[in-house]
Amino acid sequence: MAGSKPQTSREKALLAMKTLPPDGYFEWDGKDEDDHPLTKEEMQEGIGQARKKNGAAGGEPQDCDDDPPG
């Protein structure tokens, strides 16, 4: 093809990632239960726990007790 330039590895990778494979990018082998993909419910539960632990984003600023007493 006249006028087309060779693609770099990065360009090839970006082009390949534009279309998601039919089965997605992750395939769980079923060997380790800790490696299975999260369900939507598991993801929402983890997000809720993180918000409780760290405070929801956009809320009131939290007091910081990191200052040494003095």
C-alpha atoms as a PDB file:
ATOM      1  CA  MET A   1       0.000   0.000   0.000  1.00  0.00           C
ATOM      2  CA  ALA A   2       1.543   3.216  -1.102  1.00  0.00           C
ATOM      3  CA  GLY A   3       1.609   5.955   1.500  1.00  0.00           C
ATOM      4  CA  SER A   4       0.763   3.813   4.540  1.00  0.00           C
ATOM      5  CA  LYS A   5       3.337   3.771   7.288  1.00  0.00           C
ATOM      6  CA  PRO A   6       4.243   0.675   9.304  1.00  0.00           C
ATOM      7  CA  GLN A   7       2.485   0.406  12.655  1.00  0.00           C
ATOM      8  CA  THR A   8       4.399   0.362  15.915  1.00  0.00           C
ATOM      9  CA  SER A   9       3.692  -2.304  18.531  1.00  0.00           C
ATOM     10  CA  ARG A  10       1.847   0.308  20.571  1.00  0.00           C
ATOM     11  CA  GLU A  11      -0.362   1.274  17.661  1.00  0.00           C
ATOM     12  CA  LYS A  12      -1.123  -2.393  16.952  1.00  0.00           C
ATOM     13  CA  ALA A  13      -2.048  -2.986  20.598  1.00  0.00           C
ATOM     14  CA  LEU A  14      -4.317   0.075  20.701  1.00  0.00           C
ATOM     15  CA  LEU A  15      -6.033  -1.000  17.503  1.00  0.00           C
ATOM     16  CA  ALA A  16      -6.554  -4.531  18.847  1.00  0.00           C
ATOM     17  CA  MET A  17      -8.111  -3.194  22.066  1.00  0.00           C
ATOM     18  CA  LYS A  18     -10.741  -1.146  20.236  1.00  0.00           C
ATOM     19  CA  THR A  19     -12.871  -4.241  19.733  1.00  0.00           C
ATOM     20  CA  LEU A  20     -13.594  -6.444  22.743  1.00  0.00           C
ATOM     21  CA  PRO A  21     -13.208 -10.171  22.109  1.00  0.00           C
ATOM     22  CA  PRO A  22     -16.580 -12.021  22.248  1.00  0.00           C
ATOM     23  CA  ASP A  23     -15.642 -13.765  25.504  1.00  0.00           C
ATOM     24  CA  GLY A  24     -13.906 -10.745  27.051  1.00  0.00           C
ATOM     25  CA  TYR A  25     -10.272 -10.462  28.051  1.00  0.00           C
ATOM     26  CA  PHE A  26     -10.338 -12.616  31.174  1.00  0.00           C
ATOM     27  CA  GLU A  27     -10.899 -16.346  31.290  1.00  0.00           C
ATOM     28  CA  TRP A  28     -11.094 -17.937  34.722  1.00  0.00           C
ATOM     29  CA  ASP A  29      -9.585 -21.411  34.833  1.00  0.00           C
ATOM     30  CA  GLY A  30     -11.689 -22.386  37.883  1.00  0.00           C
ATOM     31  CA  LYS A  31      -8.679 -23.496  39.909  1.00  0.00           C
ATOM     32  CA  ASP A  32      -8.450 -20.682  42.454  1.00  0.00           C
ATOM     33  CA  GLU A  33     -11.689 -19.235  43.838  1.00  0.00           C
ATOM     34  CA  ASP A  34      -9.878 -15.993  44.757  1.00  0.00           C
ATOM     35  CA  ASP A  35      -9.165 -15.364  41.065  1.00  0.00           C
ATOM     36  CA  HIS A  36     -12.744 -15.582  39.788  1.00  0.00           C
ATOM     37  CA  PRO A  37     -14.218 -12.434  38.232  1.00  0.00           C
ATOM     38  CA  LEU A  38     -16.456 -10.454  40.586  1.00  0.00           C
ATOM     39  CA  THR A  39     -20.172 -10.430  40.047  1.00  0.00           C
ATOM     40  CA  LYS A  40     -21.939  -7.073  39.932  1.00  0.00           C
ATOM     41  CA  GLU A  41     -23.240  -7.705  43.463  1.00  0.00           C
ATOM     42  CA  GLU A  42     -19.742  -8.491  44.783  1.00  0.00           C
ATOM     43  CA  MET A  43     -18.377  -5.344  43.163  1.00  0.00           C
ATOM     44  CA  GLN A  44     -21.145  -3.168  44.665  1.00  0.00           C
ATOM     45  CA  GLU A  45     -20.568  -4.711  48.111  1.00  0.00           C
ATOM     46  CA  GLY A  46     -16.834  -3.947  47.903  1.00  0.00           C
ATOM     47  CA  ILE A  47     -17.511  -0.373  46.817  1.00  0.00           C
ATOM     48  CA  GLY A  48     -19.928   0.072  49.731  1.00  0.00           C
ATOM     49  CA  GLN A  49     -17.384  -1.282  52.213  1.00  0.00           C
ATOM     50  CA  ALA A  50     -14.673   1.006  50.854  1.00  0.00           C
ATOM     51  CA  ARG A  51     -16.975   4.024  51.142  1.00  0.00           C
ATOM     52  CA  LYS A  52     -17.814   3.160  54.746  1.00  0.00           C
ATOM     53  CA  LYS A  53     -14.136   2.739  55.562  1.00  0.00           C
ATOM     54  CA  ASN A  54     -12.826   5.805  53.714  1.00  0.00           C
ATOM     55  CA  GLY A  55     -15.887   8.013  53.610  1.00  0.00           C
ATOM     56  CA  ALA A  56     -17.877   8.720  50.474  1.00  0.00           C
ATOM     57  CA  ALA A  57     -16.236  11.005  47.951  1.00  0.00           C
ATOM     58  CA  GLY A  58     -17.701  14.487  47.771  1.00  0.00           C
ATOM     59  CA  GLY A  59     -18.884  14.498  51.372  1.00  0.00           C
ATOM     60  CA  GLU A  60     -17.817  16.612  54.304  1.00  0.00           C
ATOM     61  CA  PRO A  61     -14.068  16.754  54.915  1.00  0.00           C
ATOM     62  CA  GLN A  62     -13.075  14.383  57.674  1.00  0.00           C
ATOM     63  CA  ASP A  63     -11.092  15.467  60.725  1.00  0.00           C
ATOM     64  CA  CYS A  64      -7.490  14.341  60.583  1.00  0.00           C
ATOM     65  CA  ASP A  65      -5.795  13.236  63.786  1.00  0.00           C
ATOM     66  CA  ASP A  66      -2.397  12.846  62.142  1.00  0.00           C
ATOM     67  CA  ASP A  67      -0.967  15.928  63.840  1.00  0.00           C
ATOM     68  CA  PRO A  68       1.321  15.023  66.751  1.00  0.00           C
ATOM     69  CA  PRO A  69       0.042  16.121  70.155  1.00  0.00           C
ATOM     70  CA  GLY A  70       1.676  19.235  71.420  1.00  0.00           C
END
